[in-house]
């Protein structure tokens, strides 16, 4: 939680989280010249954004850098089947982040 979130009790909205994740993805995709890819809630990481598994590792690091240990990408995908991981959407990640930030705010 950022200092302003701690003092105001504000939790980012799904749109704010989507915007931050889109920025992270733009940085990752820039390495491939794909930074123009449209990041929407429905965008799939592998099929639409063409991310490789190493890119997901990079994204996981960026998520943890931004929101701390409460956003654990490895934990998030640990119980998923391979086809779920392949079909993973940005929206599902946004929902996970929003849920974890709200849960952390109640503790």
C-alpha atoms as a PDB file:
ATOM      1  CA  UNK A   1       0.000   0.000   0.000  1.00  0.00           C
ATOM      2  CA  UNK A   2       1.377   3.410  -0.870  1.00  0.00           C
ATOM      3  CA  UNK A   3       1.675   6.117   1.763  1.00  0.00           C
ATOM      4  CA  UNK A   4      -1.369   7.933   0.351  1.00  0.00           C
ATOM      5  CA  UNK A   5      -3.408   4.725   0.410  1.00  0.00           C
ATOM      6  CA  UNK A   6      -2.449   4.232   4.049  1.00  0.00           C
ATOM      7  CA  UNK A   7      -3.439   7.734   5.095  1.00  0.00           C
ATOM      8  CA  UNK A   8      -6.594   8.071   2.989  1.00  0.00           C
ATOM      9  CA  UNK A   9      -7.773   4.450   3.082  1.00  0.00           C
ATOM     10  CA  UNK A  10      -8.146   4.700  -0.710  1.00  0.00           C
ATOM     11  CA  UNK A  11      -7.845   1.489  -2.621  1.00  0.00           C
ATOM     12  CA  UNK A  12      -7.181   1.812  -6.324  1.00  0.00           C
ATOM     13  CA  UNK A  13     -10.104   1.119  -8.624  1.00  0.00           C
ATOM     14  CA  UNK A  14     -10.001  -1.623 -11.234  1.00  0.00           C
ATOM     15  CA  UNK A  15      -9.396   1.063 -13.878  1.00  0.00           C
ATOM     16  CA  UNK A  16      -6.452   2.478 -11.911  1.00  0.00           C
ATOM     17  CA  UNK A  17      -4.982  -0.999 -11.464  1.00  0.00           C
ATOM     18  CA  UNK A  18      -5.548  -1.743 -15.173  1.00  0.00           C
ATOM     19  CA  UNK A  19      -3.710   1.475 -16.025  1.00  0.00           C
ATOM     20  CA  UNK A  20      -0.746   0.540 -13.859  1.00  0.00           C
ATOM     21  CA  UNK A  21      -0.592  -3.009 -15.208  1.00  0.00           C
ATOM     22  CA  UNK A  22      -0.893  -1.659 -18.763  1.00  0.00           C
ATOM     23  CA  UNK A  23       2.131   0.556 -18.059  1.00  0.00           C
ATOM     24  CA  UNK A  24       4.087  -2.433 -16.772  1.00  0.00           C
ATOM     25  CA  UNK A  25       3.111  -4.469 -19.816  1.00  0.00           C
ATOM     26  CA  UNK A  26       4.085  -1.625 -22.144  1.00  0.00           C
ATOM     27  CA  UNK A  27       7.578  -1.706 -20.628  1.00  0.00           C
ATOM     28  CA  UNK A  28       7.794  -5.486 -21.079  1.00  0.00           C
ATOM     29  CA  UNK A  29       6.323  -5.408 -24.602  1.00  0.00           C
ATOM     30  CA  UNK A  30       8.609  -2.564 -25.666  1.00  0.00           C
ATOM     31  CA  UNK A  31      11.462  -5.081 -25.796  1.00  0.00           C
ATOM     32  CA  UNK A  32       9.670  -6.734 -28.728  1.00  0.00           C
ATOM     33  CA  UNK A  33       8.454  -3.586 -30.417  1.00  0.00           C
ATOM     34  CA  UNK A  34       4.903  -4.515 -29.385  1.00  0.00           C
ATOM     35  CA  UNK A  35       4.297  -1.603 -27.047  1.00  0.00           C
ATOM     36  CA  UNK A  36       1.340  -0.542 -29.208  1.00  0.00           C
ATOM     37  CA  UNK A  37      -0.628  -3.662 -28.201  1.00  0.00           C
ATOM     38  CA  UNK A  38      -3.961  -2.735 -26.679  1.00  0.00           C
ATOM     39  CA  UNK A  39      -4.147  -3.788 -23.040  1.00  0.00           C
ATOM     40  CA  UNK A  40      -7.769  -4.356 -22.075  1.00  0.00           C
ATOM     41  CA  UNK A  41      -9.447  -6.432 -19.402  1.00  0.00           C
ATOM     42  CA  UNK A  42     -10.154  -9.095 -22.051  1.00  0.00           C
ATOM     43  CA  UNK A  43      -6.612  -9.198 -23.467  1.00  0.00           C
ATOM     44  CA  UNK A  44      -4.955 -12.582 -23.032  1.00  0.00           C
ATOM     45  CA  UNK A  45      -1.313 -12.564 -22.011  1.00  0.00           C
ATOM     46  CA  UNK A  46      -0.105 -15.235 -24.427  1.00  0.00           C
ATOM     47  CA  UNK A  47      -2.455 -15.012 -27.394  1.00  0.00           C
ATOM     48  CA  UNK A  48      -3.210 -11.277 -27.598  1.00  0.00           C
ATOM     49  CA  UNK A  49      -0.122  -9.739 -25.992  1.00  0.00           C
ATOM     50  CA  UNK A  50       2.261 -12.483 -27.130  1.00  0.00           C
ATOM     51  CA  UNK A  51       4.024 -12.736 -23.776  1.00  0.00           C
ATOM     52  CA  UNK A  52       6.453 -15.574 -23.155  1.00  0.00           C
ATOM     53  CA  UNK A  53       6.872 -17.250 -19.777  1.00  0.00           C
ATOM     54  CA  UNK A  54       9.982 -15.156 -19.074  1.00  0.00           C
ATOM     55  CA  UNK A  55       7.876 -12.038 -19.658  1.00  0.00           C
ATOM     56  CA  UNK A  56       5.434 -13.228 -17.006  1.00  0.00           C
ATOM     57  CA  UNK A  57       8.370 -13.565 -14.613  1.00  0.00           C
ATOM     58  CA  UNK A  58       9.340  -9.978 -15.408  1.00  0.00           C
ATOM     59  CA  UNK A  59       5.742  -8.859 -14.895  1.00  0.00           C
ATOM     60  CA  UNK A  60       5.631 -10.712 -11.566  1.00  0.00           C
ATOM     61  CA  UNK A  61       8.682  -8.754 -10.418  1.00  0.00           C
ATOM     62  CA  UNK A  62       7.132  -5.447 -11.479  1.00  0.00           C
ATOM     63  CA  UNK A  63       3.887  -6.271  -9.666  1.00  0.00           C
ATOM     64  CA  UNK A  64       5.742  -7.113  -6.477  1.00  0.00           C
ATOM     65  CA  UNK A  65       7.932  -4.024  -6.802  1.00  0.00           C
ATOM     66  CA  UNK A  66       4.806  -1.854  -7.086  1.00  0.00           C
ATOM     67  CA  UNK A  67       2.531  -3.457  -4.495  1.00  0.00           C
ATOM     68  CA  UNK A  68       4.833  -5.549  -2.329  1.00  0.00           C
ATOM     69  CA  UNK A  69       4.711  -9.157  -1.239  1.00  0.00           C
ATOM     70  CA  UNK A  70       0.914  -9.263  -1.020  1.00  0.00           C
ATOM     71  CA  UNK A  71       0.838  -9.452  -4.839  1.00  0.00           C
ATOM     72  CA  UNK A  72       2.447 -12.818  -5.481  1.00  0.00           C
ATOM     73  CA  UNK A  73       2.047 -13.800  -9.132  1.00  0.00           C
ATOM     74  CA  UNK A  74       3.469 -17.286  -8.585  1.00  0.00           C
ATOM     75  CA  UNK A  75       0.917 -17.902  -5.841  1.00  0.00           C
ATOM     76  CA  UNK A  76      -1.821 -16.500  -8.085  1.00  0.00           C
ATOM     77  CA  UNK A  77      -1.173 -19.003 -10.881  1.00  0.00           C
ATOM     78  CA  UNK A  78      -0.071 -21.931  -8.697  1.00  0.00           C
ATOM     79  CA  UNK A  79      -3.467 -23.667  -8.653  1.00  0.00           C
ATOM     80  CA  UNK A  80      -4.257 -22.997 -12.316  1.00  0.00           C
ATOM     81  CA  UNK A  81      -4.218 -25.659 -14.990  1.00  0.00           C
ATOM     82  CA  UNK A  82      -1.949 -25.057 -17.990  1.00  0.00           C
ATOM     83  CA  UNK A  83      -4.880 -24.091 -20.231  1.00  0.00           C
ATOM     84  CA  UNK A  84      -5.996 -21.523 -17.639  1.00  0.00           C
ATOM     85  CA  UNK A  85      -2.516 -19.988 -17.583  1.00  0.00           C
ATOM     86  CA  UNK A  86      -2.409 -19.908 -21.384  1.00  0.00           C
ATOM     87  CA  UNK A  87      -5.842 -18.219 -21.472  1.00  0.00           C
ATOM     88  CA  UNK A  88      -5.117 -15.861 -18.575  1.00  0.00           C
ATOM     89  CA  UNK A  89      -6.563 -12.399 -19.147  1.00  0.00           C
ATOM     90  CA  UNK A  90      -5.412  -9.044 -17.883  1.00  0.00           C
ATOM     91  CA  UNK A  91      -8.828  -8.678 -16.238  1.00  0.00           C
ATOM     92  CA  UNK A  92      -8.320 -11.774 -14.117  1.00  0.00           C
ATOM     93  CA  UNK A  93      -4.997 -10.363 -12.908  1.00  0.00           C
ATOM     94  CA  UNK A  94      -6.605  -6.971 -12.228  1.00  0.00           C
ATOM     95  CA  UNK A  95      -9.317  -8.691 -10.163  1.00  0.00           C
ATOM     96  CA  UNK A  96      -6.656 -10.593  -8.199  1.00  0.00           C
ATOM     97  CA  UNK A  97      -4.670  -7.416  -7.474  1.00  0.00           C
ATOM     98  CA  UNK A  98      -7.799  -5.488  -6.450  1.00  0.00           C
ATOM     99  CA  UNK A  99      -8.885  -8.305  -4.143  1.00  0.00           C
ATOM    100  CA  UNK A 100      -5.443  -8.636  -2.523  1.00  0.00           C
ATOM    101  CA  UNK A 101      -5.156  -4.867  -1.991  1.00  0.00           C
ATOM    102  CA  UNK A 102      -8.602  -4.709  -0.364  1.00  0.00           C
ATOM    103  CA  UNK A 103      -7.872  -7.751   1.795  1.00  0.00           C
ATOM    104  CA  UNK A 104      -4.541  -6.257   2.896  1.00  0.00           C
ATOM    105  CA  UNK A 105      -6.293  -2.978   3.712  1.00  0.00           C
ATOM    106  CA  UNK A 106      -8.626  -4.743   6.145  1.00  0.00           C
ATOM    107  CA  UNK A 107      -5.791  -6.311   8.123  1.00  0.00           C
END
